[in-house]
Amino acid sequence: MEHDIGKMESQLEHWRLKIIRLADEKQRVGAPLGYYTLMHIDELKALHAVARTKLDEFKAGNDLNRARLMTGMTNSLDELGSALKKTKPKP
């Protein structure tokens, strides 16, 4: 299980850097960021924060709570992963 937690932490760090790069790329274009772009980046940051919190709760939980916490953690990781695949915000 520790190996899986390490993989999840690595994935979260990779996604955090991807969100930062995405925000930087959008700002480098030179034009002001549009509303939908800003909302998309904020959504990604919020989903990352939720996934990080769920992972931290899972790590701190005891064996009785881990089964319940695992579901919430994997759901939040899946949601963040899906949102990152939609790198283009809807206009």
N, C-alpha and C. Protein backbone atom coordinates (compact mmCIF):
# COMPACT_ATOMS: atom_id res chain seq x y z
N MET A 1 0.82 -1.20 0.00
CA MET A 1 0.00 0.00 0.00
C MET A 1 0.86 1.26 0.00
N GLU A 2 2.00 1.22 0.71
CA GLU A 2 2.88 2.39 0.75
C GLU A 2 3.36 2.75 -0.64
N HIS A 3 3.63 1.72 -1.46
CA HIS A 3 4.08 1.98 -2.83
C HIS A 3 3.00 2.72 -3.62
N ASP A 4 1.75 2.31 -3.43
CA ASP A 4 0.63 2.98 -4.12
C ASP A 4 0.50 4.43 -3.68
N ILE A 5 0.69 4.69 -2.39
CA ILE A 5 0.61 6.06 -1.88
C ILE A 5 1.72 6.89 -2.49
N GLY A 6 2.91 6.32 -2.59
CA GLY A 6 4.02 7.03 -3.22
C GLY A 6 3.73 7.36 -4.68
N LYS A 7 3.11 6.41 -5.39
CA LYS A 7 2.74 6.66 -6.79
C LYS A 7 1.70 7.76 -6.89
N MET A 8 0.73 7.75 -5.97
CA MET A 8 -0.31 8.78 -5.98
C MET A 8 0.29 10.15 -5.66
N GLU A 9 1.22 10.20 -4.72
CA GLU A 9 1.87 11.48 -4.41
C GLU A 9 2.68 11.98 -5.60
N SER A 10 3.37 11.08 -6.27
CA SER A 10 4.12 11.47 -7.47
C SER A 10 3.20 11.99 -8.56
N GLN A 11 2.06 11.32 -8.74
CA GLN A 11 1.10 11.75 -9.75
C GLN A 11 0.54 13.13 -9.41
N LEU A 12 0.23 13.35 -8.13
CA LEU A 12 -0.28 14.66 -7.73
C LEU A 12 0.75 15.75 -7.97
N GLU A 13 2.00 15.47 -7.69
CA GLU A 13 3.06 16.46 -7.94
C GLU A 13 3.20 16.74 -9.43
N HIS A 14 3.14 15.68 -10.24
CA HIS A 14 3.20 15.85 -11.69
C HIS A 14 2.05 16.73 -12.18
N TRP A 15 0.85 16.47 -11.68
CA TRP A 15 -0.31 17.26 -12.08
C TRP A 15 -0.21 18.70 -11.59
N ARG A 16 0.35 18.91 -10.38
CA ARG A 16 0.53 20.27 -9.86
C ARG A 16 1.43 21.07 -10.81
N LEU A 17 2.53 20.44 -11.24
CA LEU A 17 3.44 21.11 -12.16
C LEU A 17 2.78 21.35 -13.52
N LYS A 18 1.95 20.41 -13.94
CA LYS A 18 1.24 20.58 -15.22
C LYS A 18 0.27 21.77 -15.15
N ILE A 19 -0.40 21.94 -14.03
CA ILE A 19 -1.32 23.07 -13.84
C ILE A 19 -0.53 24.38 -13.88
N ILE A 20 0.61 24.40 -13.22
CA ILE A 20 1.45 25.61 -13.22
C ILE A 20 1.92 25.92 -14.64
N ARG A 21 2.38 24.90 -15.36
CA ARG A 21 2.83 25.12 -16.75
C ARG A 21 1.69 25.61 -17.63
N LEU A 22 0.52 25.04 -17.46
CA LEU A 22 -0.65 25.45 -18.24
C LEU A 22 -0.96 26.92 -17.99
N ALA A 23 -0.96 27.34 -16.73
CA ALA A 23 -1.22 28.74 -16.39
C ALA A 23 -0.14 29.64 -16.98
N ASP A 24 1.11 29.22 -16.90
CA ASP A 24 2.21 30.02 -17.45
C ASP A 24 2.11 30.15 -18.96
N GLU A 25 1.77 29.04 -19.63
CA GLU A 25 1.63 29.07 -21.09
C GLU A 25 0.54 30.03 -21.52
N LYS A 26 -0.57 30.01 -20.80
CA LYS A 26 -1.69 30.89 -21.15
C LYS A 26 -1.30 32.36 -20.96
N GLN A 27 -0.50 32.65 -19.94
CA GLN A 27 -0.10 34.03 -19.69
C GLN A 27 0.97 34.50 -20.67
N ARG A 28 1.80 33.59 -21.16
CA ARG A 28 2.86 33.96 -22.09
C ARG A 28 2.34 34.39 -23.45
N VAL A 29 1.15 33.97 -23.78
CA VAL A 29 0.58 34.30 -25.09
C VAL A 29 0.52 35.82 -25.25
N GLY A 30 0.39 36.55 -24.19
CA GLY A 30 0.40 38.01 -24.25
C GLY A 30 -0.96 38.64 -24.10
N ALA A 31 -1.98 37.98 -24.55
CA ALA A 31 -3.33 38.53 -24.42
C ALA A 31 -3.82 38.29 -23.00
N PRO A 32 -4.70 39.17 -22.54
CA PRO A 32 -5.26 38.93 -21.20
C PRO A 32 -6.01 37.58 -21.18
N LEU A 33 -5.92 36.92 -20.06
CA LEU A 33 -6.61 35.63 -19.93
C LEU A 33 -8.11 35.86 -19.89
N GLY A 34 -8.82 35.05 -20.63
CA GLY A 34 -10.27 35.15 -20.65
C GLY A 34 -10.90 34.54 -19.42
N TYR A 35 -12.15 34.84 -19.24
CA TYR A 35 -12.90 34.36 -18.09
C TYR A 35 -12.87 32.83 -18.01
N TYR A 36 -13.14 32.16 -19.11
CA TYR A 36 -13.22 30.70 -19.10
C TYR A 36 -11.86 30.06 -18.85
N THR A 37 -10.82 30.69 -19.35
CA THR A 37 -9.47 30.18 -19.10
C THR A 37 -9.13 30.30 -17.62
N LEU A 38 -9.42 31.45 -17.03
CA LEU A 38 -9.16 31.65 -15.60
C LEU A 38 -9.98 30.67 -14.76
N MET A 39 -11.24 30.47 -15.13
CA MET A 39 -12.09 29.54 -14.39
C MET A 39 -11.57 28.11 -14.49
N HIS A 40 -11.09 27.74 -15.68
CA HIS A 40 -10.57 26.39 -15.88
C HIS A 40 -9.32 26.17 -15.01
N ILE A 41 -8.42 27.12 -15.00
CA ILE A 41 -7.20 27.01 -14.20
C ILE A 41 -7.56 26.96 -12.71
N ASP A 42 -8.49 27.81 -12.29
CA ASP A 42 -8.92 27.79 -10.88
C ASP A 42 -9.58 26.46 -10.52
N GLU A 43 -10.36 25.91 -11.44
CA GLU A 43 -10.99 24.62 -11.20
C GLU A 43 -9.93 23.53 -11.01
N LEU A 44 -8.90 23.55 -11.87
CA LEU A 44 -7.83 22.57 -11.76
C LEU A 44 -7.10 22.69 -10.42
N LYS A 45 -6.84 23.92 -10.02
CA LYS A 45 -6.17 24.14 -8.73
C LYS A 45 -7.03 23.64 -7.57
N ALA A 46 -8.32 23.90 -7.64
CA ALA A 46 -9.23 23.45 -6.58
C ALA A 46 -9.31 21.93 -6.54
N LEU A 47 -9.42 21.29 -7.69
CA LEU A 47 -9.48 19.83 -7.74
C LEU A 47 -8.18 19.22 -7.21
N HIS A 48 -7.06 19.87 -7.50
CA HIS A 48 -5.78 19.39 -6.98
C HIS A 48 -5.76 19.49 -5.46
N ALA A 49 -6.24 20.60 -4.92
CA ALA A 49 -6.26 20.79 -3.47
C ALA A 49 -7.14 19.73 -2.80
N VAL A 50 -8.28 19.44 -3.40
CA VAL A 50 -9.17 18.41 -2.85
C VAL A 50 -8.48 17.05 -2.89
N ALA A 51 -7.86 16.71 -4.01
CA ALA A 51 -7.18 15.42 -4.13
C ALA A 51 -6.03 15.31 -3.12
N ARG A 52 -5.30 16.40 -2.93
CA ARG A 52 -4.20 16.41 -1.96
C ARG A 52 -4.73 16.17 -0.54
N THR A 53 -5.84 16.84 -0.22
CA THR A 53 -6.45 16.69 1.10
C THR A 53 -6.93 15.26 1.32
N LYS A 54 -7.58 14.69 0.31
CA LYS A 54 -8.08 13.31 0.42
C LYS A 54 -6.92 12.33 0.61
N LEU A 55 -5.82 12.55 -0.10
CA LEU A 55 -4.66 11.68 0.06
C LEU A 55 -4.07 11.82 1.46
N ASP A 56 -3.98 13.03 1.96
CA ASP A 56 -3.46 13.25 3.31
C ASP A 56 -4.37 12.61 4.37
N GLU A 57 -5.70 12.71 4.17
CA GLU A 57 -6.64 12.05 5.09
C GLU A 57 -6.46 10.54 5.06
N PHE A 58 -6.25 10.00 3.87
CA PHE A 58 -6.07 8.56 3.73
C PHE A 58 -4.80 8.11 4.46
N LYS A 59 -3.72 8.87 4.28
CA LYS A 59 -2.46 8.51 4.94
C LYS A 59 -2.59 8.57 6.46
N ALA A 60 -3.37 9.52 6.97
CA ALA A 60 -3.52 9.68 8.41
C ALA A 60 -4.55 8.73 9.01
N GLY A 61 -5.39 8.15 8.18
CA GLY A 61 -6.47 7.30 8.67
C GLY A 61 -5.97 5.95 9.17
N ASN A 62 -6.78 5.36 10.01
CA ASN A 62 -6.44 4.02 10.49
C ASN A 62 -7.02 2.99 9.53
N ASP A 63 -6.73 1.73 9.78
CA ASP A 63 -7.17 0.66 8.87
C ASP A 63 -8.68 0.60 8.71
N LEU A 64 -9.42 0.92 9.76
CA LEU A 64 -10.88 0.88 9.67
C LEU A 64 -11.42 1.97 8.74
N ASN A 65 -10.80 3.12 8.76
CA ASN A 65 -11.28 4.23 7.93
C ASN A 65 -10.72 4.21 6.52
N ARG A 66 -9.64 3.51 6.30
CA ARG A 66 -8.97 3.56 4.99
C ARG A 66 -9.83 3.06 3.85
N ALA A 67 -10.65 2.07 4.08
CA ALA A 67 -11.50 1.56 3.00
C ALA A 67 -12.47 2.64 2.54
N ARG A 68 -13.06 3.35 3.49
CA ARG A 68 -13.98 4.44 3.16
C ARG A 68 -13.22 5.61 2.51
N LEU A 69 -12.07 5.93 3.06
CA LEU A 69 -11.29 7.05 2.55
C LEU A 69 -10.73 6.76 1.16
N MET A 70 -10.45 5.49 0.88
CA MET A 70 -9.90 5.10 -0.42
C MET A 70 -10.85 5.49 -1.56
N THR A 71 -12.13 5.29 -1.35
CA THR A 71 -13.11 5.62 -2.38
C THR A 71 -13.09 7.12 -2.68
N GLY A 72 -13.13 7.93 -1.65
CA GLY A 72 -13.10 9.38 -1.85
C GLY A 72 -11.81 9.84 -2.49
N MET A 73 -10.71 9.23 -2.10
CA MET A 73 -9.41 9.61 -2.65
C MET A 73 -9.31 9.25 -4.13
N THR A 74 -9.68 8.03 -4.48
CA THR A 74 -9.59 7.63 -5.88
C THR A 74 -10.56 8.42 -6.75
N ASN A 75 -11.74 8.74 -6.23
CA ASN A 75 -12.68 9.56 -7.00
C ASN A 75 -12.11 10.95 -7.27
N SER A 76 -11.49 11.55 -6.27
CA SER A 76 -10.95 12.89 -6.46
C SER A 76 -9.75 12.87 -7.41
N LEU A 77 -8.94 11.82 -7.35
CA LEU A 77 -7.82 11.70 -8.28
C LEU A 77 -8.33 11.49 -9.71
N ASP A 78 -9.36 10.67 -9.87
CA ASP A 78 -9.94 10.45 -11.20
C ASP A 78 -10.54 11.73 -11.76
N GLU A 79 -11.22 12.49 -10.91
CA GLU A 79 -11.83 13.74 -11.36
C GLU A 79 -10.77 14.74 -11.81
N LEU A 80 -9.68 14.85 -11.06
CA LEU A 80 -8.60 15.74 -11.44
C LEU A 80 -7.96 15.28 -12.74
N GLY A 81 -7.71 13.99 -12.86
CA GLY A 81 -7.13 13.46 -14.10
C GLY A 81 -8.00 13.74 -15.31
N SER A 82 -9.29 13.58 -15.16
CA SER A 82 -10.22 13.85 -16.27
C SER A 82 -10.22 15.34 -16.63
N ALA A 83 -10.22 16.19 -15.62
CA ALA A 83 -10.23 17.64 -15.87
C ALA A 83 -8.95 18.07 -16.56
N LEU A 84 -7.84 17.45 -16.24
CA LEU A 84 -6.57 17.81 -16.88
C LEU A 84 -6.54 17.37 -18.34
N LYS A 85 -7.28 16.34 -18.67
CA LYS A 85 -7.33 15.90 -20.06
C LYS A 85 -8.09 16.91 -20.93
N LYS A 86 -9.02 17.63 -20.32
CA LYS A 86 -9.74 18.70 -21.03
C LYS A 86 -8.96 19.99 -20.84
N THR A 87 -7.83 20.13 -21.52
CA THR A 87 -6.98 21.29 -21.28
C THR A 87 -7.54 22.56 -21.90
N LYS A 88 -8.52 22.44 -22.77
CA LYS A 88 -9.13 23.62 -23.38
C LYS A 88 -10.43 23.95 -22.67
N PRO A 89 -10.52 25.14 -22.07
CA PRO A 89 -11.78 25.51 -21.43
C PRO A 89 -12.88 25.76 -22.46
N LYS A 90 -14.09 25.55 -22.04
CA LYS A 90 -15.24 25.81 -22.93
C LYS A 90 -15.46 27.30 -23.02
N PRO A 91 -15.72 27.83 -24.22
CA PRO A 91 -15.98 29.27 -24.35
C PRO A 91 -17.37 29.64 -23.87
